[in-house]
Amino acid sequence: MIRAIRTMVTCRWSARRIQRYLDSDPAALLTDDEIRRLEAHLAQCHRCSAAAAEYRQIDTALSRWAARRIPDPQSVTHMHEVLDRIVRGDLP
């Protein structure tokens, strides 16, 4: 019973720090002791390590999404014009 309560408290403590740990935000850095404690907990707790993995996946997806470029509107217009000419038979 005590072990379950201790795990629950540690999970709650960890959950409040996982995002800060992953972000390494200079405005909200964890202390070296907090990092060691959190890393030790993540190595043992499936639930919290799964949450950390999910945060990493979200970060990766958002990074990829942000890196996408919107095509230049003039290029899109030009491509439509070329396709229209091909469809009309104006181009070989």
PDB file of N, CA and C in Angstrom:
ATOM      1  N   MET A   1       0.817  -1.193   0.000  1.00  0.00           N
ATOM      2  CA  MET A   1       0.000   0.000   0.000  1.00  0.00           C
ATOM      3  C   MET A   1       0.862   1.260   0.000  1.00  0.00           C
ATOM      4  N   ILE A   2       1.871   1.279   0.862  1.00  0.00           N
ATOM      5  CA  ILE A   2       2.752   2.444   0.925  1.00  0.00           C
ATOM      6  C   ILE A   2       3.505   2.596  -0.386  1.00  0.00           C
ATOM      7  N   ARG A   3       3.916   1.478  -0.962  1.00  0.00           N
ATOM      8  CA  ARG A   3       4.640   1.523  -2.231  1.00  0.00           C
ATOM      9  C   ARG A   3       3.759   2.115  -3.336  1.00  0.00           C
ATOM     10  N   ALA A   4       2.500   1.735  -3.368  1.00  0.00           N
ATOM     11  CA  ALA A   4       1.562   2.256  -4.369  1.00  0.00           C
ATOM     12  C   ALA A   4       1.372   3.754  -4.198  1.00  0.00           C
ATOM     13  N   ILE A   5       1.270   4.211  -2.979  1.00  0.00           N
ATOM     14  CA  ILE A   5       1.113   5.640  -2.713  1.00  0.00           C
ATOM     15  C   ILE A   5       2.380   6.390  -3.118  1.00  0.00           C
ATOM     16  N   ARG A   6       3.532   5.815  -2.796  1.00  0.00           N
ATOM     17  CA  ARG A   6       4.803   6.446  -3.157  1.00  0.00           C
ATOM     18  C   ARG A   6       4.930   6.565  -4.680  1.00  0.00           C
ATOM     19  N   THR A   7       4.546   5.510  -5.400  1.00  0.00           N
ATOM     20  CA  THR A   7       4.594   5.534  -6.863  1.00  0.00           C
ATOM     21  C   THR A   7       3.646   6.584  -7.412  1.00  0.00           C
ATOM     22  N   MET A   8       2.464   6.663  -6.844  1.00  0.00           N
ATOM     23  CA  MET A   8       1.484   7.644  -7.287  1.00  0.00           C
ATOM     24  C   MET A   8       2.003   9.067  -7.086  1.00  0.00           C
ATOM     25  N   VAL A   9       2.605   9.326  -5.962  1.00  0.00           N
ATOM     26  CA  VAL A   9       3.159  10.656  -5.679  1.00  0.00           C
ATOM     27  C   VAL A   9       4.310  10.963  -6.631  1.00  0.00           C
ATOM     28  N   THR A  10       5.165   9.973  -6.865  1.00  0.00           N
ATOM     29  CA  THR A  10       6.290  10.164  -7.782  1.00  0.00           C
ATOM     30  C   THR A  10       5.803  10.405  -9.204  1.00  0.00           C
ATOM     31  N   CYS A  11       4.787   9.689  -9.625  1.00  0.00           N
ATOM     32  CA  CYS A  11       4.216   9.900 -10.958  1.00  0.00           C
ATOM     33  C   CYS A  11       3.643  11.312 -11.081  1.00  0.00           C
ATOM     34  N   ARG A  12       2.960  11.739 -10.054  1.00  0.00           N
ATOM     35  CA  ARG A  12       2.396  13.095 -10.075  1.00  0.00           C
ATOM     36  C   ARG A  12       3.506  14.135 -10.146  1.00  0.00           C
ATOM     37  N   TRP A  13       4.560  13.943  -9.345  1.00  0.00           N
ATOM     38  CA  TRP A  13       5.705  14.844  -9.357  1.00  0.00           C
ATOM     39  C   TRP A  13       6.343  14.849 -10.743  1.00  0.00           C
ATOM     40  N   SER A  14       6.521  13.679 -11.328  1.00  0.00           N
ATOM     41  CA  SER A  14       7.158  13.547 -12.636  1.00  0.00           C
ATOM     42  C   SER A  14       6.307  14.165 -13.738  1.00  0.00           C
ATOM     43  N   ALA A  15       5.018  13.925 -13.689  1.00  0.00           N
ATOM     44  CA  ALA A  15       4.119  14.429 -14.725  1.00  0.00           C
ATOM     45  C   ALA A  15       4.193  15.951 -14.845  1.00  0.00           C
ATOM     46  N   ARG A  16       4.422  16.617 -13.728  1.00  0.00           N
ATOM     47  CA  ARG A  16       4.514  18.077 -13.750  1.00  0.00           C
ATOM     48  C   ARG A  16       5.850  18.555 -14.302  1.00  0.00           C
ATOM     49  N   ARG A  17       6.808  17.655 -14.499  1.00  0.00           N
ATOM     50  CA  ARG A  17       8.139  18.056 -14.939  1.00  0.00           C
ATOM     51  C   ARG A  17       8.554  17.489 -16.293  1.00  0.00           C
ATOM     52  N   ILE A  18       7.836  16.526 -16.800  1.00  0.00           N
ATOM     53  CA  ILE A  18       8.232  15.870 -18.051  1.00  0.00           C
ATOM     54  C   ILE A  18       8.361  16.878 -19.184  1.00  0.00           C
ATOM     55  N   GLN A  19       7.369  17.721 -19.368  1.00  0.00           N
ATOM     56  CA  GLN A  19       7.401  18.676 -20.472  1.00  0.00           C
ATOM     57  C   GLN A  19       8.582  19.638 -20.337  1.00  0.00           C
ATOM     58  N   ARG A  20       8.834  20.122 -19.130  1.00  0.00           N
ATOM     59  CA  ARG A  20       9.973  21.013 -18.903  1.00  0.00           C
ATOM     60  C   ARG A  20      11.285  20.296 -19.209  1.00  0.00           C
ATOM     61  N   TYR A  21      11.354  19.037 -18.845  1.00  0.00           N
ATOM     62  CA  TYR A  21      12.542  18.224 -19.093  1.00  0.00           C
ATOM     63  C   TYR A  21      12.786  18.073 -20.596  1.00  0.00           C
ATOM     64  N   LEU A  22      11.744  17.762 -21.328  1.00  0.00           N
ATOM     65  CA  LEU A  22      11.878  17.558 -22.768  1.00  0.00           C
ATOM     66  C   LEU A  22      12.151  18.853 -23.516  1.00  0.00           C
ATOM     67  N   ASP A  23      11.555  19.942 -23.074  1.00  0.00           N
ATOM     68  CA  ASP A  23      11.723  21.233 -23.753  1.00  0.00           C
ATOM     69  C   ASP A  23      13.074  21.878 -23.479  1.00  0.00           C
ATOM     70  N   SER A  24      13.656  21.589 -22.335  1.00  0.00           N
ATOM     71  CA  SER A  24      14.903  22.243 -21.916  1.00  0.00           C
ATOM     72  C   SER A  24      14.778  23.763 -22.015  1.00  0.00           C
ATOM     73  N   ASP A  25      13.631  24.262 -21.642  1.00  0.00           N
ATOM     74  CA  ASP A  25      13.359  25.701 -21.692  1.00  0.00           C
ATOM     75  C   ASP A  25      14.234  26.421 -20.678  1.00  0.00           C
ATOM     76  N   PRO A  26      15.073  27.363 -21.119  1.00  0.00           N
ATOM     77  CA  PRO A  26      15.953  28.071 -20.185  1.00  0.00           C
ATOM     78  C   PRO A  26      15.188  28.818 -19.089  1.00  0.00           C
ATOM     79  N   ALA A  27      13.949  29.166 -19.357  1.00  0.00           N
ATOM     80  CA  ALA A  27      13.150  29.885 -18.361  1.00  0.00           C
ATOM     81  C   ALA A  27      12.578  28.949 -17.302  1.00  0.00           C
ATOM     82  N   ALA A  28      12.644  27.638 -17.547  1.00  0.00           N
ATOM     83  CA  ALA A  28      12.057  26.674 -16.607  1.00  0.00           C
ATOM     84  C   ALA A  28      12.934  25.431 -16.476  1.00  0.00           C
ATOM     85  N   LEU A  29      14.228  25.634 -16.347  1.00  0.00           N
ATOM     86  CA  LEU A  29      15.145  24.498 -16.265  1.00  0.00           C
ATOM     87  C   LEU A  29      14.956  23.718 -14.976  1.00  0.00           C
ATOM     88  N   LEU A  30      15.161  22.427 -15.077  1.00  0.00           N
ATOM     89  CA  LEU A  30      15.143  21.566 -13.900  1.00  0.00           C
ATOM     90  C   LEU A  30      16.546  21.548 -13.296  1.00  0.00           C
ATOM     91  N   THR A  31      16.614  21.320 -12.006  1.00  0.00           N
ATOM     92  CA  THR A  31      17.916  21.191 -11.359  1.00  0.00           C
ATOM     93  C   THR A  31      18.516  19.837 -11.740  1.00  0.00           C
ATOM     94  N   ASP A  32      19.806  19.680 -11.507  1.00  0.00           N
ATOM     95  CA  ASP A  32      20.454  18.398 -11.795  1.00  0.00           C
ATOM     96  C   ASP A  32      19.814  17.266 -10.995  1.00  0.00           C
ATOM     97  N   ASP A  33      19.470  17.546  -9.742  1.00  0.00           N
ATOM     98  CA  ASP A  33      18.811  16.522  -8.909  1.00  0.00           C
ATOM     99  C   ASP A  33      17.445  16.145  -9.465  1.00  0.00           C
ATOM    100  N   GLU A  34      16.680  17.137  -9.927  1.00  0.00           N
ATOM    101  CA  GLU A  34      15.366  16.854 -10.512  1.00  0.00           C
ATOM    102  C   GLU A  34      15.509  16.021 -11.780  1.00  0.00           C
ATOM    103  N   ILE A  35      16.512  16.340 -12.583  1.00  0.00           N
ATOM    104  CA  ILE A  35      16.734  15.584 -13.817  1.00  0.00           C
ATOM    105  C   ILE A  35      17.069  14.132 -13.502  1.00  0.00           C
ATOM    106  N   ARG A  36      17.972  13.918 -12.559  1.00  0.00           N
ATOM    107  CA  ARG A  36      18.332  12.546 -12.176  1.00  0.00           C
ATOM    108  C   ARG A  36      17.122  11.789 -11.647  1.00  0.00           C
ATOM    109  N   ARG A  37      16.352  12.446 -10.798  1.00  0.00           N
ATOM    110  CA  ARG A  37      15.168  11.804 -10.211  1.00  0.00           C
ATOM    111  C   ARG A  37      14.145  11.467 -11.300  1.00  0.00           C
ATOM    112  N   LEU A  38      13.936  12.393 -12.211  1.00  0.00           N
ATOM    113  CA  LEU A  38      12.967  12.174 -13.282  1.00  0.00           C
ATOM    114  C   LEU A  38      13.442  11.066 -14.225  1.00  0.00           C
ATOM    115  N   GLU A  39      14.703  11.087 -14.606  1.00  0.00           N
ATOM    116  CA  GLU A  39      15.230  10.053 -15.487  1.00  0.00           C
ATOM    117  C   GLU A  39      15.145   8.667 -14.842  1.00  0.00           C
ATOM    118  N   ALA A  40      15.420   8.604 -13.557  1.00  0.00           N
ATOM    119  CA  ALA A  40      15.305   7.322 -12.845  1.00  0.00           C
ATOM    120  C   ALA A  40      13.855   6.846 -12.849  1.00  0.00           C
ATOM    121  N   HIS A  41      12.932   7.771 -12.640  1.00  0.00           N
ATOM    122  CA  HIS A  41      11.517   7.402 -12.637  1.00  0.00           C
ATOM    123  C   HIS A  41      11.070   6.963 -14.029  1.00  0.00           C
ATOM    124  N   LEU A  42      11.485   7.696 -15.062  1.00  0.00           N
ATOM    125  CA  LEU A  42      11.096   7.332 -16.430  1.00  0.00           C
ATOM    126  C   LEU A  42      11.633   5.960 -16.823  1.00  0.00           C
ATOM    127  N   ALA A  43      12.786   5.589 -16.286  1.00  0.00           N
ATOM    128  CA  ALA A  43      13.360   4.271 -16.581  1.00  0.00           C
ATOM    129  C   ALA A  43      12.556   3.141 -15.946  1.00  0.00           C
ATOM    130  N   GLN A  44      11.804   3.455 -14.902  1.00  0.00           N
ATOM    131  CA  GLN A  44      11.055   2.423 -14.180  1.00  0.00           C
ATOM    132  C   GLN A  44       9.554   2.445 -14.439  1.00  0.00           C
ATOM    133  N   CYS A  45       9.029   3.593 -14.769  1.00  0.00           N
ATOM    134  CA  CYS A  45       7.569   3.739 -14.864  1.00  0.00           C
ATOM    135  C   CYS A  45       7.112   3.737 -16.324  1.00  0.00           C
ATOM    136  N   HIS A  46       6.376   2.706 -16.668  1.00  0.00           N
ATOM    137  CA  HIS A  46       5.884   2.569 -18.042  1.00  0.00           C
ATOM    138  C   HIS A  46       4.930   3.717 -18.403  1.00  0.00           C
ATOM    139  N   ARG A  47       4.074   4.070 -17.486  1.00  0.00           N
ATOM    140  CA  ARG A  47       3.074   5.113 -17.746  1.00  0.00           C
ATOM    141  C   ARG A  47       3.713   6.463 -18.032  1.00  0.00           C
ATOM    142  N   CYS A  48       4.662   6.841 -17.211  1.00  0.00           N
ATOM    143  CA  CYS A  48       5.311   8.142 -17.389  1.00  0.00           C
ATOM    144  C   CYS A  48       6.244   8.142 -18.606  1.00  0.00           C
ATOM    145  N   SER A  49       6.916   7.023 -18.863  1.00  0.00           N
ATOM    146  CA  SER A  49       7.784   6.956 -20.044  1.00  0.00           C
ATOM    147  C   SER A  49       6.941   6.973 -21.318  1.00  0.00           C
ATOM    148  N   ALA A  50       5.752   6.401 -21.270  1.00  0.00           N
ATOM    149  CA  ALA A  50       4.843   6.456 -22.418  1.00  0.00           C
ATOM    150  C   ALA A  50       4.377   7.892 -22.652  1.00  0.00           C
ATOM    151  N   ALA A  51       4.111   8.621 -21.572  1.00  0.00           N
ATOM    152  CA  ALA A  51       3.717  10.029 -21.701  1.00  0.00           C
ATOM    153  C   ALA A  51       4.859  10.837 -22.319  1.00  0.00           C
ATOM    154  N   ALA A  52       6.087  10.576 -21.886  1.00  0.00           N
ATOM    155  CA  ALA A  52       7.247  11.281 -22.445  1.00  0.00           C
ATOM    156  C   ALA A  52       7.397  10.953 -23.932  1.00  0.00           C
ATOM    157  N   ALA A  53       7.203   9.699 -24.300  1.00  0.00           N
ATOM    158  CA  ALA A  53       7.292   9.302 -25.706  1.00  0.00           C
ATOM    159  C   ALA A  53       6.215   9.995 -26.532  1.00  0.00           C
ATOM    160  N   GLU A  54       5.032  10.113 -25.970  1.00  0.00           N
ATOM    161  CA  GLU A  54       3.939  10.790 -26.672  1.00  0.00           C
ATOM    162  C   GLU A  54       4.267  12.266 -26.883  1.00  0.00           C
ATOM    163  N   TYR A  55       4.812  12.918 -25.859  1.00  0.00           N
ATOM    164  CA  TYR A  55       5.226  14.317 -26.001  1.00  0.00           C
ATOM    165  C   TYR A  55       6.281  14.457 -27.093  1.00  0.00           C
ATOM    166  N   ARG A  56       7.217  13.501 -27.143  1.00  0.00           N
ATOM    167  CA  ARG A  56       8.262  13.551 -28.181  1.00  0.00           C
ATOM    168  C   ARG A  56       7.651  13.407 -29.578  1.00  0.00           C
ATOM    169  N   GLN A  57       6.681  12.512 -29.713  1.00  0.00           N
ATOM    170  CA  GLN A  57       6.021  12.325 -31.011  1.00  0.00           C
ATOM    171  C   GLN A  57       5.283  13.590 -31.428  1.00  0.00           C
ATOM    172  N   ILE A  58       4.612  14.212 -30.494  1.00  0.00           N
ATOM    173  CA  ILE A  58       3.893  15.459 -30.793  1.00  0.00           C
ATOM    174  C   ILE A  58       4.881  16.532 -31.224  1.00  0.00           C
ATOM    175  N   ASP A  59       5.991  16.641 -30.512  1.00  0.00           N
ATOM    176  CA  ASP A  59       7.014  17.636 -30.853  1.00  0.00           C
ATOM    177  C   ASP A  59       7.562  17.387 -32.251  1.00  0.00           C
ATOM    178  N   THR A  60       7.830  16.123 -32.578  1.00  0.00           N
ATOM    179  CA  THR A  60       8.340  15.774 -33.908  1.00  0.00           C
ATOM    180  C   THR A  60       7.326  16.129 -34.986  1.00  0.00           C
ATOM    181  N   ALA A  61       6.073  15.781 -34.750  1.00  0.00           N
ATOM    182  CA  ALA A  61       5.022  16.085 -35.736  1.00  0.00           C
ATOM    183  C   ALA A  61       4.868  17.584 -35.939  1.00  0.00           C
ATOM    184  N   LEU A  62       4.893  18.342 -34.858  1.00  0.00           N
ATOM    185  CA  LEU A  62       4.765  19.791 -34.981  1.00  0.00           C
ATOM    186  C   LEU A  62       5.973  20.395 -35.677  1.00  0.00           C
ATOM    187  N   SER A  63       7.151  19.864 -35.424  1.00  0.00           N
ATOM    188  CA  SER A  63       8.354  20.362 -36.092  1.00  0.00           C
ATOM    189  C   SER A  63       8.277  20.125 -37.591  1.00  0.00           C
ATOM    190  N   ARG A  64       7.829  18.932 -37.967  1.00  0.00           N
ATOM    191  CA  ARG A  64       7.688  18.628 -39.397  1.00  0.00           C
ATOM    192  C   ARG A  64       6.628  19.489 -40.045  1.00  0.00           C
ATOM    193  N   TRP A  65       5.545  19.707 -39.333  1.00  0.00           N
ATOM    194  CA  TRP A  65       4.448  20.514 -39.869  1.00  0.00           C
ATOM    195  C   TRP A  65       4.901  21.958 -40.060  1.00  0.00           C
ATOM    196  N   ALA A  66       5.648  22.484 -39.092  1.00  0.00           N
ATOM    197  CA  ALA A  66       6.121  23.859 -39.168  1.00  0.00           C
ATOM    198  C   ALA A  66       7.148  24.038 -40.281  1.00  0.00           C
ATOM    199  N   ALA A  67       7.859  22.981 -40.635  1.00  0.00           N
ATOM    200  CA  ALA A  67       8.889  23.066 -41.666  1.00  0.00           C
ATOM    201  C   ALA A  67       8.304  23.060 -43.080  1.00  0.00           C
ATOM    202  N   ARG A  68       7.048  22.674 -43.207  1.00  0.00           N
ATOM    203  CA  ARG A  68       6.430  22.659 -44.533  1.00  0.00           C
ATOM    204  C   ARG A  68       6.326  24.080 -45.069  1.00  0.00           C
ATOM    205  N   ARG A  69       6.560  24.170 -46.350  1.00  0.00           N
ATOM    206  CA  ARG A  69       6.449  25.479 -46.997  1.00  0.00           C
ATOM    207  C   ARG A  69       5.179  25.524 -47.827  1.00  0.00           C
ATOM    208  N   ILE A  70       4.603  26.686 -47.850  1.00  0.00           N
ATOM    209  CA  ILE A  70       3.446  26.908 -48.708  1.00  0.00           C
ATOM    210  C   ILE A  70       3.991  27.301 -50.076  1.00  0.00           C
ATOM    211  N   PRO A  71       3.521  26.678 -51.144  1.00  0.00           N
ATOM    212  CA  PRO A  71       4.047  27.012 -52.469  1.00  0.00           C
ATOM    213  C   PRO A  71       3.790  28.474 -52.813  1.00  0.00           C
ATOM    214  N   ASP A  72       4.700  29.011 -53.581  1.00  0.00           N
ATOM    215  CA  ASP A  72       4.572  30.384 -54.048  1.00  0.00           C
ATOM    216  C   ASP A  72       3.304  30.506 -54.904  1.00  0.00           C
ATOM    217  N   PRO A  73       2.425  31.464 -54.592  1.00  0.00           N
ATOM    218  CA  PRO A  73       1.163  31.593 -55.343  1.00  0.00           C
ATOM    219  C   PRO A  73       1.383  31.794 -56.842  1.00  0.00           C
ATOM    220  N   GLN A  74       2.431  32.511 -57.227  1.00  0.00           N
ATOM    221  CA  GLN A  74       2.705  32.718 -58.658  1.00  0.00           C
ATOM    222  C   GLN A  74       3.067  31.402 -59.341  1.00  0.00           C
ATOM    223  N   SER A  75       3.814  30.557 -58.640  1.00  0.00           N
ATOM    224  CA  SER A  75       4.173  29.253 -59.201  1.00  0.00           C
ATOM    225  C   SER A  75       2.933  28.388 -59.401  1.00  0.00           C
ATOM    226  N   VAL A  76       2.032  28.429 -58.440  1.00  0.00           N
ATOM    227  CA  VAL A  76       0.793  27.653 -58.545  1.00  0.00           C
ATOM    228  C   VAL A  76      -0.037  28.156 -59.717  1.00  0.00           C
ATOM    229  N   THR A  77      -0.155  29.462 -59.851  1.00  0.00           N
ATOM    230  CA  THR A  77      -0.908  30.053 -60.965  1.00  0.00           C
ATOM    231  C   THR A  77      -0.282  29.658 -62.293  1.00  0.00           C
ATOM    232  N   HIS A  78       1.033  29.738 -62.379  1.00  0.00           N
ATOM    233  CA  HIS A  78       1.731  29.358 -63.615  1.00  0.00           C
ATOM    234  C   HIS A  78       1.472  27.886 -63.953  1.00  0.00           C
ATOM    235  N   MET A  79       1.526  27.021 -62.946  1.00  0.00           N
ATOM    236  CA  MET A  79       1.298  25.598 -63.170  1.00  0.00           C
ATOM    237  C   MET A  79      -0.125  25.344 -63.667  1.00  0.00           C
ATOM    238  N   HIS A  80      -1.094  26.069 -63.107  1.00  0.00           N
ATOM    239  CA  HIS A  80      -2.483  25.934 -63.573  1.00  0.00           C
ATOM    240  C   HIS A  80      -2.596  26.364 -65.039  1.00  0.00           C
ATOM    241  N   GLU A  81      -1.912  27.444 -65.389  1.00  0.00           N
ATOM    242  CA  GLU A  81      -1.962  27.924 -66.770  1.00  0.00           C
ATOM    243  C   GLU A  81      -1.353  26.902 -67.723  1.00  0.00           C
ATOM    244  N   VAL A  82      -0.224  26.325 -67.341  1.00  0.00           N
ATOM    245  CA  VAL A  82       0.426  25.310 -68.185  1.00  0.00           C
ATOM    246  C   VAL A  82      -0.489  24.098 -68.341  1.00  0.00           C
ATOM    247  N   LEU A  83      -1.082  23.631 -67.241  1.00  0.00           N
ATOM    248  CA  LEU A  83      -1.994  22.488 -67.315  1.00  0.00           C
ATOM    249  C   LEU A  83      -3.210  22.789 -68.178  1.00  0.00           C
ATOM    250  N   ASP A  84      -3.741  24.012 -68.053  1.00  0.00           N
ATOM    251  CA  ASP A  84      -4.882  24.390 -68.891  1.00  0.00           C
ATOM    252  C   ASP A  84      -4.518  24.348 -70.383  1.00  0.00           C
ATOM    253  N   ARG A  85      -3.305  24.826 -70.723  1.00  0.00           N
ATOM    254  CA  ARG A  85      -2.868  24.804 -72.123  1.00  0.00           C
ATOM    255  C   ARG A  85      -2.690  23.372 -72.620  1.00  0.00           C
ATOM    256  N   ILE A  86      -2.156  22.499 -71.738  1.00  0.00           N
ATOM    257  CA  ILE A  86      -1.994  21.095 -72.119  1.00  0.00           C
ATOM    258  C   ILE A  86      -3.352  20.467 -72.387  1.00  0.00           C
ATOM    259  N   VAL A  87      -4.327  20.729 -71.502  1.00  0.00           N
ATOM    260  CA  VAL A  87      -5.660  20.163 -71.646  1.00  0.00           C
ATOM    261  C   VAL A  87      -6.323  20.677 -72.931  1.00  0.00           C
ATOM    262  N   ARG A  88      -6.128  21.955 -73.239  1.00  0.00           N
ATOM    263  CA  ARG A  88      -6.721  22.523 -74.466  1.00  0.00           C
ATOM    264  C   ARG A  88      -5.999  22.034 -75.726  1.00  0.00           C
ATOM    265  N   GLY A  89      -4.796  21.496 -75.551  1.00  0.00           N
ATOM    266  CA  GLY A  89      -4.041  21.020 -76.702  1.00  0.00           C
ATOM    267  C   GLY A  89      -3.107  22.062 -77.254  1.00  0.00           C
ATOM    268  N   ASP A  90      -2.908  23.143 -76.551  1.00  0.00           N
ATOM    269  CA  ASP A  90      -2.009  24.208 -77.008  1.00  0.00           C
ATOM    270  C   ASP A  90      -0.536  23.814 -76.887  1.00  0.00           C
ATOM    271  N   LEU A  91      -0.253  22.864 -76.003  1.00  0.00           N
ATOM    272  CA  LEU A  91       1.124  22.402 -75.823  1.00  0.00           C
ATOM    273  C   LEU A  91       1.196  20.924 -76.145  1.00  0.00           C
ATOM    274  N   PRO A  92       2.344  20.480 -76.655  1.00  0.00           N
ATOM    275  CA  PRO A  92       2.482  19.058 -76.999  1.00  0.00           C
ATOM    276  C   PRO A  92       2.479  18.165 -75.790  1.00  0.00           C
TER     277      PRO A  92
END
